[in-house]
Amino acid sequence: MILNVIAEKLKRTSKDDFKGRHFEAWLILQAVSWYLRYPLTYRNIKDMFLERGFAVDHTTLNRWTLAYAPLIEKRLRVK
């Protein structure tokens, strides 16, 4: 799965990218991945996580996307 590839590349290159976050890296990567891959709003993703037992605000999802989308793209382009 693409998410696993992204997670592995991020783990190998920098452990500090997710340091200090209140949520685990896999949750952040899942949220950013859903936002970039599918026509979902931040509130849609918030509701999807709430159904799974995770309370995440839509503004948090926006901050994650702004912070991690460029990082994910950069790491995927590195060979």
PDB file of N, CA and C in Angstrom:
ATOM      1  N   MET A   1       0.837  -1.179   0.000  1.00  0.00           N
ATOM      2  CA  MET A   1       0.000   0.000   0.000  1.00  0.00           C
ATOM      3  C   MET A   1       0.887   1.251   0.000  1.00  0.00           C
ATOM      4  N   ILE A   2       0.432   2.276  -0.643  1.00  0.00           N
ATOM      5  CA  ILE A   2       1.204   3.512  -0.776  1.00  0.00           C
ATOM      6  C   ILE A   2       1.511   4.120   0.589  1.00  0.00           C
ATOM      7  N   LEU A   3       0.561   4.055   1.506  1.00  0.00           N
ATOM      8  CA  LEU A   3       0.770   4.623   2.838  1.00  0.00           C
ATOM      9  C   LEU A   3       1.947   3.966   3.542  1.00  0.00           C
ATOM     10  N   ASN A   4       2.087   2.661   3.391  1.00  0.00           N
ATOM     11  CA  ASN A   4       3.211   1.954   4.010  1.00  0.00           C
ATOM     12  C   ASN A   4       4.540   2.403   3.417  1.00  0.00           C
ATOM     13  N   VAL A   5       4.578   2.609   2.111  1.00  0.00           N
ATOM     14  CA  VAL A   5       5.801   3.069   1.447  1.00  0.00           C
ATOM     15  C   VAL A   5       6.181   4.456   1.953  1.00  0.00           C
ATOM     16  N   ILE A   6       5.191   5.332   2.045  1.00  0.00           N
ATOM     17  CA  ILE A   6       5.440   6.685   2.545  1.00  0.00           C
ATOM     18  C   ILE A   6       5.948   6.633   3.981  1.00  0.00           C
ATOM     19  N   ALA A   7       5.293   5.837   4.805  1.00  0.00           N
ATOM     20  CA  ALA A   7       5.694   5.735   6.214  1.00  0.00           C
ATOM     21  C   ALA A   7       7.114   5.215   6.349  1.00  0.00           C
ATOM     22  N   GLU A   8       7.471   4.213   5.559  1.00  0.00           N
ATOM     23  CA  GLU A   8       8.825   3.659   5.627  1.00  0.00           C
ATOM     24  C   GLU A   8       9.864   4.683   5.193  1.00  0.00           C
ATOM     25  N   LYS A   9       9.578   5.421   4.118  1.00  0.00           N
ATOM     26  CA  LYS A   9      10.530   6.434   3.656  1.00  0.00           C
ATOM     27  C   LYS A   9      10.693   7.539   4.690  1.00  0.00           C
ATOM     28  N   LEU A  10       9.602   7.930   5.330  1.00  0.00           N
ATOM     29  CA  LEU A  10       9.692   8.973   6.347  1.00  0.00           C
ATOM     30  C   LEU A  10      10.435   8.480   7.577  1.00  0.00           C
ATOM     31  N   LYS A  11      10.234   7.229   7.959  1.00  0.00           N
ATOM     32  CA  LYS A  11      10.935   6.669   9.123  1.00  0.00           C
ATOM     33  C   LYS A  11      12.434   6.619   8.890  1.00  0.00           C
ATOM     34  N   ARG A  12      12.832   6.230   7.687  1.00  0.00           N
ATOM     35  CA  ARG A  12      14.259   6.082   7.392  1.00  0.00           C
ATOM     36  C   ARG A  12      14.988   7.410   7.328  1.00  0.00           C
ATOM     37  N   THR A  13      14.324   8.452   6.880  1.00  0.00           N
ATOM     38  CA  THR A  13      15.025   9.703   6.642  1.00  0.00           C
ATOM     39  C   THR A  13      15.018  10.658   7.829  1.00  0.00           C
ATOM     40  N   SER A  14      13.961  10.649   8.627  1.00  0.00           N
ATOM     41  CA  SER A  14      13.938  11.566   9.762  1.00  0.00           C
ATOM     42  C   SER A  14      12.932  11.112  10.812  1.00  0.00           C
ATOM     43  N   LYS A  15      13.424  10.917  12.011  1.00  0.00           N
ATOM     44  CA  LYS A  15      12.542  10.524  13.108  1.00  0.00           C
ATOM     45  C   LYS A  15      11.941  11.746  13.792  1.00  0.00           C
ATOM     46  N   ASP A  16      12.498  12.909  13.540  1.00  0.00           N
ATOM     47  CA  ASP A  16      12.047  14.110  14.229  1.00  0.00           C
ATOM     48  C   ASP A  16      10.868  14.803  13.553  1.00  0.00           C
ATOM     49  N   ASP A  17      10.472  14.361  12.369  1.00  0.00           N
ATOM     50  CA  ASP A  17       9.381  15.023  11.660  1.00  0.00           C
ATOM     51  C   ASP A  17       8.064  14.971  12.431  1.00  0.00           C
ATOM     52  N   PHE A  18       7.845  13.909  13.178  1.00  0.00           N
ATOM     53  CA  PHE A  18       6.598  13.753  13.917  1.00  0.00           C
ATOM     54  C   PHE A  18       6.790  13.925  15.422  1.00  0.00           C
ATOM     55  N   LYS A  19       7.958  14.346  15.821  1.00  0.00           N
ATOM     56  CA  LYS A  19       8.259  14.512  17.244  1.00  0.00           C
ATOM     57  C   LYS A  19       7.404  15.638  17.832  1.00  0.00           C
ATOM     58  N   GLY A  20       6.852  15.384  19.000  1.00  0.00           N
ATOM     59  CA  GLY A  20       6.052  16.390  19.677  1.00  0.00           C
ATOM     60  C   GLY A  20       4.597  16.433  19.263  1.00  0.00           C
ATOM     61  N   ARG A  21       4.190  15.580  18.360  1.00  0.00           N
ATOM     62  CA  ARG A  21       2.795  15.549  17.923  1.00  0.00           C
ATOM     63  C   ARG A  21       1.960  14.758  18.921  1.00  0.00           C
ATOM     64  N   HIS A  22       0.694  15.116  19.030  1.00  0.00           N
ATOM     65  CA  HIS A  22      -0.204  14.429  19.956  1.00  0.00           C
ATOM     66  C   HIS A  22      -0.752  13.135  19.365  1.00  0.00           C
ATOM     67  N   PHE A  23      -0.632  12.984  18.051  1.00  0.00           N
ATOM     68  CA  PHE A  23      -1.107  11.787  17.372  1.00  0.00           C
ATOM     69  C   PHE A  23       0.075  11.054  16.754  1.00  0.00           C
ATOM     70  N   GLU A  24      -0.103   9.765  16.550  1.00  0.00           N
ATOM     71  CA  GLU A  24       0.970   8.965  15.967  1.00  0.00           C
ATOM     72  C   GLU A  24       1.120   9.268  14.477  1.00  0.00           C
ATOM     73  N   ALA A  25       2.293   8.965  13.962  1.00  0.00           N
ATOM     74  CA  ALA A  25       2.621   9.277  12.570  1.00  0.00           C
ATOM     75  C   ALA A  25       1.670   8.607  11.592  1.00  0.00           C
ATOM     76  N   TRP A  26       1.281   7.361  11.857  1.00  0.00           N
ATOM     77  CA  TRP A  26       0.412   6.658  10.912  1.00  0.00           C
ATOM     78  C   TRP A  26      -0.928   7.362  10.758  1.00  0.00           C
ATOM     79  N   LEU A  27      -1.439   7.959  11.844  1.00  0.00           N
ATOM     80  CA  LEU A  27      -2.719   8.655  11.789  1.00  0.00           C
ATOM     81  C   LEU A  27      -2.602   9.936  10.966  1.00  0.00           C
ATOM     82  N   ILE A  28      -1.524  10.646  11.165  1.00  0.00           N
ATOM     83  CA  ILE A  28      -1.277  11.871  10.395  1.00  0.00           C
ATOM     84  C   ILE A  28      -1.126  11.536   8.919  1.00  0.00           C
ATOM     85  N   LEU A  29      -0.337  10.507   8.615  1.00  0.00           N
ATOM     86  CA  LEU A  29      -0.136  10.111   7.220  1.00  0.00           C
ATOM     87  C   LEU A  29      -1.430   9.644   6.576  1.00  0.00           C
ATOM     88  N   GLN A  30      -2.261   8.935   7.324  1.00  0.00           N
ATOM     89  CA  GLN A  30      -3.543   8.480   6.786  1.00  0.00           C
ATOM     90  C   GLN A  30      -4.429   9.666   6.438  1.00  0.00           C
ATOM     91  N   ALA A  31      -4.507  10.634   7.325  1.00  0.00           N
ATOM     92  CA  ALA A  31      -5.339  11.812   7.091  1.00  0.00           C
ATOM     93  C   ALA A  31      -4.871  12.600   5.872  1.00  0.00           C
ATOM     94  N   VAL A  32      -3.581  12.847   5.792  1.00  0.00           N
ATOM     95  CA  VAL A  32      -3.036  13.605   4.659  1.00  0.00           C
ATOM     96  C   VAL A  32      -3.227  12.823   3.362  1.00  0.00           C
ATOM     97  N   SER A  33      -3.021  11.528   3.416  1.00  0.00           N
ATOM     98  CA  SER A  33      -3.199  10.679   2.239  1.00  0.00           C
ATOM     99  C   SER A  33      -4.639  10.723   1.738  1.00  0.00           C
ATOM    100  N   TRP A  34      -5.611  10.584   2.633  1.00  0.00           N
ATOM    101  CA  TRP A  34      -7.020  10.647   2.234  1.00  0.00           C
ATOM    102  C   TRP A  34      -7.351  11.994   1.620  1.00  0.00           C
ATOM    103  N   TYR A  35      -6.845  13.062   2.219  1.00  0.00           N
ATOM    104  CA  TYR A  35      -7.157  14.394   1.705  1.00  0.00           C
ATOM    105  C   TYR A  35      -6.595  14.600   0.301  1.00  0.00           C
ATOM    106  N   LEU A  36      -5.388  14.116   0.077  1.00  0.00           N
ATOM    107  CA  LEU A  36      -4.745  14.325  -1.220  1.00  0.00           C
ATOM    108  C   LEU A  36      -5.272  13.386  -2.300  1.00  0.00           C
ATOM    109  N   ARG A  37      -5.682  12.195  -1.937  1.00  0.00           N
ATOM    110  CA  ARG A  37      -6.077  11.189  -2.921  1.00  0.00           C
ATOM    111  C   ARG A  37      -7.552  11.224  -3.295  1.00  0.00           C
ATOM    112  N   TYR A  38      -8.409  11.657  -2.384  1.00  0.00           N
ATOM    113  CA  TYR A  38      -9.852  11.587  -2.602  1.00  0.00           C
ATOM    114  C   TYR A  38     -10.488  12.964  -2.438  1.00  0.00           C
ATOM    115  N   PRO A  39     -11.653  13.175  -3.059  1.00  0.00           N
ATOM    116  CA  PRO A  39     -12.319  14.485  -2.933  1.00  0.00           C
ATOM    117  C   PRO A  39     -13.061  14.617  -1.600  1.00  0.00           C
ATOM    118  N   LEU A  40     -12.302  14.638  -0.519  1.00  0.00           N
ATOM    119  CA  LEU A  40     -12.867  14.746   0.827  1.00  0.00           C
ATOM    120  C   LEU A  40     -12.519  16.100   1.428  1.00  0.00           C
ATOM    121  N   THR A  41     -13.414  16.608   2.245  1.00  0.00           N
ATOM    122  CA  THR A  41     -13.112  17.829   2.990  1.00  0.00           C
ATOM    123  C   THR A  41     -12.475  17.431   4.319  1.00  0.00           C
ATOM    124  N   TYR A  42     -11.927  18.413   5.008  1.00  0.00           N
ATOM    125  CA  TYR A  42     -11.346  18.142   6.321  1.00  0.00           C
ATOM    126  C   TYR A  42     -12.424  17.648   7.290  1.00  0.00           C
ATOM    127  N   ARG A  43     -13.623  18.183   7.158  1.00  0.00           N
ATOM    128  CA  ARG A  43     -14.721  17.748   8.032  1.00  0.00           C
ATOM    129  C   ARG A  43     -15.143  16.314   7.716  1.00  0.00           C
ATOM    130  N   ASN A  44     -15.086  15.907   6.441  1.00  0.00           N
ATOM    131  CA  ASN A  44     -15.362  14.506   6.096  1.00  0.00           C
ATOM    132  C   ASN A  44     -14.363  13.581   6.775  1.00  0.00           C
ATOM    133  N   ILE A  45     -13.104  13.941   6.711  1.00  0.00           N
ATOM    134  CA  ILE A  45     -12.049  13.117   7.312  1.00  0.00           C
ATOM    135  C   ILE A  45     -12.195  13.109   8.830  1.00  0.00           C
ATOM    136  N   LYS A  46     -12.541  14.258   9.400  1.00  0.00           N
ATOM    137  CA  LYS A  46     -12.782  14.331  10.845  1.00  0.00           C
ATOM    138  C   LYS A  46     -13.874  13.345  11.248  1.00  0.00           C
ATOM    139  N   ASP A  47     -14.963  13.307  10.486  1.00  0.00           N
ATOM    140  CA  ASP A  47     -16.065  12.388  10.778  1.00  0.00           C
ATOM    141  C   ASP A  47     -15.645  10.932  10.607  1.00  0.00           C
ATOM    142  N   MET A  48     -14.822  10.647   9.603  1.00  0.00           N
ATOM    143  CA  MET A  48     -14.337   9.279   9.391  1.00  0.00           C
ATOM    144  C   MET A  48     -13.484   8.818  10.568  1.00  0.00           C
ATOM    145  N   PHE A  49     -12.632   9.691  11.064  1.00  0.00           N
ATOM    146  CA  PHE A  49     -11.812   9.338  12.222  1.00  0.00           C
ATOM    147  C   PHE A  49     -12.671   9.198  13.481  1.00  0.00           C
ATOM    148  N   LEU A  50     -13.685  10.051  13.618  1.00  0.00           N
ATOM    149  CA  LEU A  50     -14.566   9.978  14.781  1.00  0.00           C
ATOM    150  C   LEU A  50     -15.301   8.638  14.819  1.00  0.00           C
ATOM    151  N   GLU A  51     -15.713   8.140  13.647  1.00  0.00           N
ATOM    152  CA  GLU A  51     -16.352   6.823  13.564  1.00  0.00           C
ATOM    153  C   GLU A  51     -15.408   5.715  14.012  1.00  0.00           C
ATOM    154  N   ARG A  52     -14.113   5.949  13.872  1.00  0.00           N
ATOM    155  CA  ARG A  52     -13.105   4.954  14.256  1.00  0.00           C
ATOM    156  C   ARG A  52     -12.563   5.184  15.673  1.00  0.00           C
ATOM    157  N   GLY A  53     -13.110   6.180  16.362  1.00  0.00           N
ATOM    158  CA  GLY A  53     -12.728   6.414  17.749  1.00  0.00           C
ATOM    159  C   GLY A  53     -11.634   7.437  17.965  1.00  0.00           C
ATOM    160  N   PHE A  54     -11.300   8.220  16.942  1.00  0.00           N
ATOM    161  CA  PHE A  54     -10.264   9.246  17.062  1.00  0.00           C
ATOM    162  C   PHE A  54     -10.906  10.621  16.905  1.00  0.00           C
ATOM    163  N   ALA A  55     -10.765  11.464  17.901  1.00  0.00           N
ATOM    164  CA  ALA A  55     -11.307  12.819  17.845  1.00  0.00           C
ATOM    165  C   ALA A  55     -10.219  13.764  17.349  1.00  0.00           C
ATOM    166  N   VAL A  56     -10.367  14.209  16.113  1.00  0.00           N
ATOM    167  CA  VAL A  56      -9.405  15.123  15.491  1.00  0.00           C
ATOM    168  C   VAL A  56     -10.196  16.291  14.912  1.00  0.00           C
ATOM    169  N   ASP A  57      -9.798  17.508  15.218  1.00  0.00           N
ATOM    170  CA  ASP A  57     -10.486  18.684  14.704  1.00  0.00           C
ATOM    171  C   ASP A  57     -10.109  18.934  13.245  1.00  0.00           C
ATOM    172  N   HIS A  58     -11.042  19.526  12.497  1.00  0.00           N
ATOM    173  CA  HIS A  58     -10.776  19.779  11.079  1.00  0.00           C
ATOM    174  C   HIS A  58      -9.632  20.777  10.875  1.00  0.00           C
ATOM    175  N   THR A  59      -9.445  21.695  11.811  1.00  0.00           N
ATOM    176  CA  THR A  59      -8.324  22.635  11.668  1.00  0.00           C
ATOM    177  C   THR A  59      -6.981  21.932  11.880  1.00  0.00           C
ATOM    178  N   THR A  60      -6.973  20.909  12.713  1.00  0.00           N
ATOM    179  CA  THR A  60      -5.761  20.107  12.899  1.00  0.00           C
ATOM    180  C   THR A  60      -5.421  19.384  11.604  1.00  0.00           C
ATOM    181  N   LEU A  61      -6.431  18.857  10.941  1.00  0.00           N
ATOM    182  CA  LEU A  61      -6.213  18.176   9.661  1.00  0.00           C
ATOM    183  C   LEU A  61      -5.640  19.140   8.624  1.00  0.00           C
ATOM    184  N   ASN A  62      -6.136  20.369   8.638  1.00  0.00           N
ATOM    185  CA  ASN A  62      -5.605  21.385   7.729  1.00  0.00           C
ATOM    186  C   ASN A  62      -4.134  21.661   8.013  1.00  0.00           C
ATOM    187  N   ARG A  63      -3.775  21.794   9.280  1.00  0.00           N
ATOM    188  CA  ARG A  63      -2.372  22.045   9.641  1.00  0.00           C
ATOM    189  C   ARG A  63      -1.486  20.870   9.241  1.00  0.00           C
ATOM    190  N   TRP A  64      -1.975  19.649   9.451  1.00  0.00           N
ATOM    191  CA  TRP A  64      -1.203  18.470   9.052  1.00  0.00           C
ATOM    192  C   TRP A  64      -0.961  18.462   7.550  1.00  0.00           C
ATOM    193  N   THR A  65      -1.994  18.774   6.785  1.00  0.00           N
ATOM    194  CA  THR A  65      -1.849  18.764   5.327  1.00  0.00           C
ATOM    195  C   THR A  65      -0.849  19.822   4.878  1.00  0.00           C
ATOM    196  N   LEU A  66      -0.953  21.001   5.435  1.00  0.00           N
ATOM    197  CA  LEU A  66      -0.013  22.063   5.071  1.00  0.00           C
ATOM    198  C   LEU A  66       1.419  21.714   5.464  1.00  0.00           C
ATOM    199  N   ALA A  67       1.579  21.041   6.586  1.00  0.00           N
ATOM    200  CA  ALA A  67       2.922  20.716   7.074  1.00  0.00           C
ATOM    201  C   ALA A  67       3.515  19.489   6.397  1.00  0.00           C
ATOM    202  N   TYR A  68       2.710  18.453   6.175  1.00  0.00           N
ATOM    203  CA  TYR A  68       3.265  17.165   5.753  1.00  0.00           C
ATOM    204  C   TYR A  68       3.111  16.836   4.274  1.00  0.00           C
ATOM    205  N   ALA A  69       2.196  17.462   3.560  1.00  0.00           N
ATOM    206  CA  ALA A  69       2.061  17.171   2.124  1.00  0.00           C
ATOM    207  C   ALA A  69       3.354  17.492   1.367  1.00  0.00           C
ATOM    208  N   PRO A  70       3.966  18.663   1.574  1.00  0.00           N
ATOM    209  CA  PRO A  70       5.237  18.929   0.883  1.00  0.00           C
ATOM    210  C   PRO A  70       6.350  17.974   1.316  1.00  0.00           C
ATOM    211  N   LEU A  71       6.370  17.614   2.588  1.00  0.00           N
ATOM    212  CA  LEU A  71       7.373  16.687   3.104  1.00  0.00           C
ATOM    213  C   LEU A  71       7.221  15.312   2.453  1.00  0.00           C
ATOM    214  N   ILE A  72       5.984  14.844   2.358  1.00  0.00           N
ATOM    215  CA  ILE A  72       5.726  13.544   1.732  1.00  0.00           C
ATOM    216  C   ILE A  72       6.157  13.570   0.272  1.00  0.00           C
ATOM    217  N   GLU A  73       5.782  14.624  -0.431  1.00  0.00           N
ATOM    218  CA  GLU A  73       6.162  14.730  -1.841  1.00  0.00           C
ATOM    219  C   GLU A  73       7.684  14.750  -2.001  1.00  0.00           C
ATOM    220  N   LYS A  74       8.358  15.516  -1.169  1.00  0.00           N
ATOM    221  CA  LYS A  74       9.820  15.614  -1.242  1.00  0.00           C
ATOM    222  C   LYS A  74      10.476  14.263  -0.981  1.00  0.00           C
ATOM    223  N   ARG A  75      10.017  13.553   0.032  1.00  0.00           N
ATOM    224  CA  ARG A  75      10.610  12.261   0.384  1.00  0.00           C
ATOM    225  C   ARG A  75      10.335  11.206  -0.676  1.00  0.00           C
ATOM    226  N   LEU A  76       9.182  11.271  -1.322  1.00  0.00           N
ATOM    227  CA  LEU A  76       8.877  10.287  -2.363  1.00  0.00           C
ATOM    228  C   LEU A  76       9.720  10.512  -3.615  1.00  0.00           C
ATOM    229  N   ARG A  77      10.125  11.750  -3.839  1.00  0.00           N
ATOM    230  CA  ARG A  77      10.930  12.053  -5.023  1.00  0.00           C
ATOM    231  C   ARG A  77      12.404  11.713  -4.832  1.00  0.00           C
ATOM    232  N   VAL A  78      12.859  11.609  -3.590  1.00  0.00           N
ATOM    233  CA  VAL A  78      14.253  11.265  -3.301  1.00  0.00           C
ATOM    234  C   VAL A  78      14.476   9.800  -3.623  1.00  0.00           C
ATOM    235  N   LYS A  79      15.577   9.522  -4.332  1.00  0.00           N
ATOM    236  CA  LYS A  79      15.853   8.128  -4.720  1.00  0.00           C
ATOM    237  C   LYS A  79      16.810   7.484  -3.775  1.00  0.00           C
TER     238      LYS A  79
END
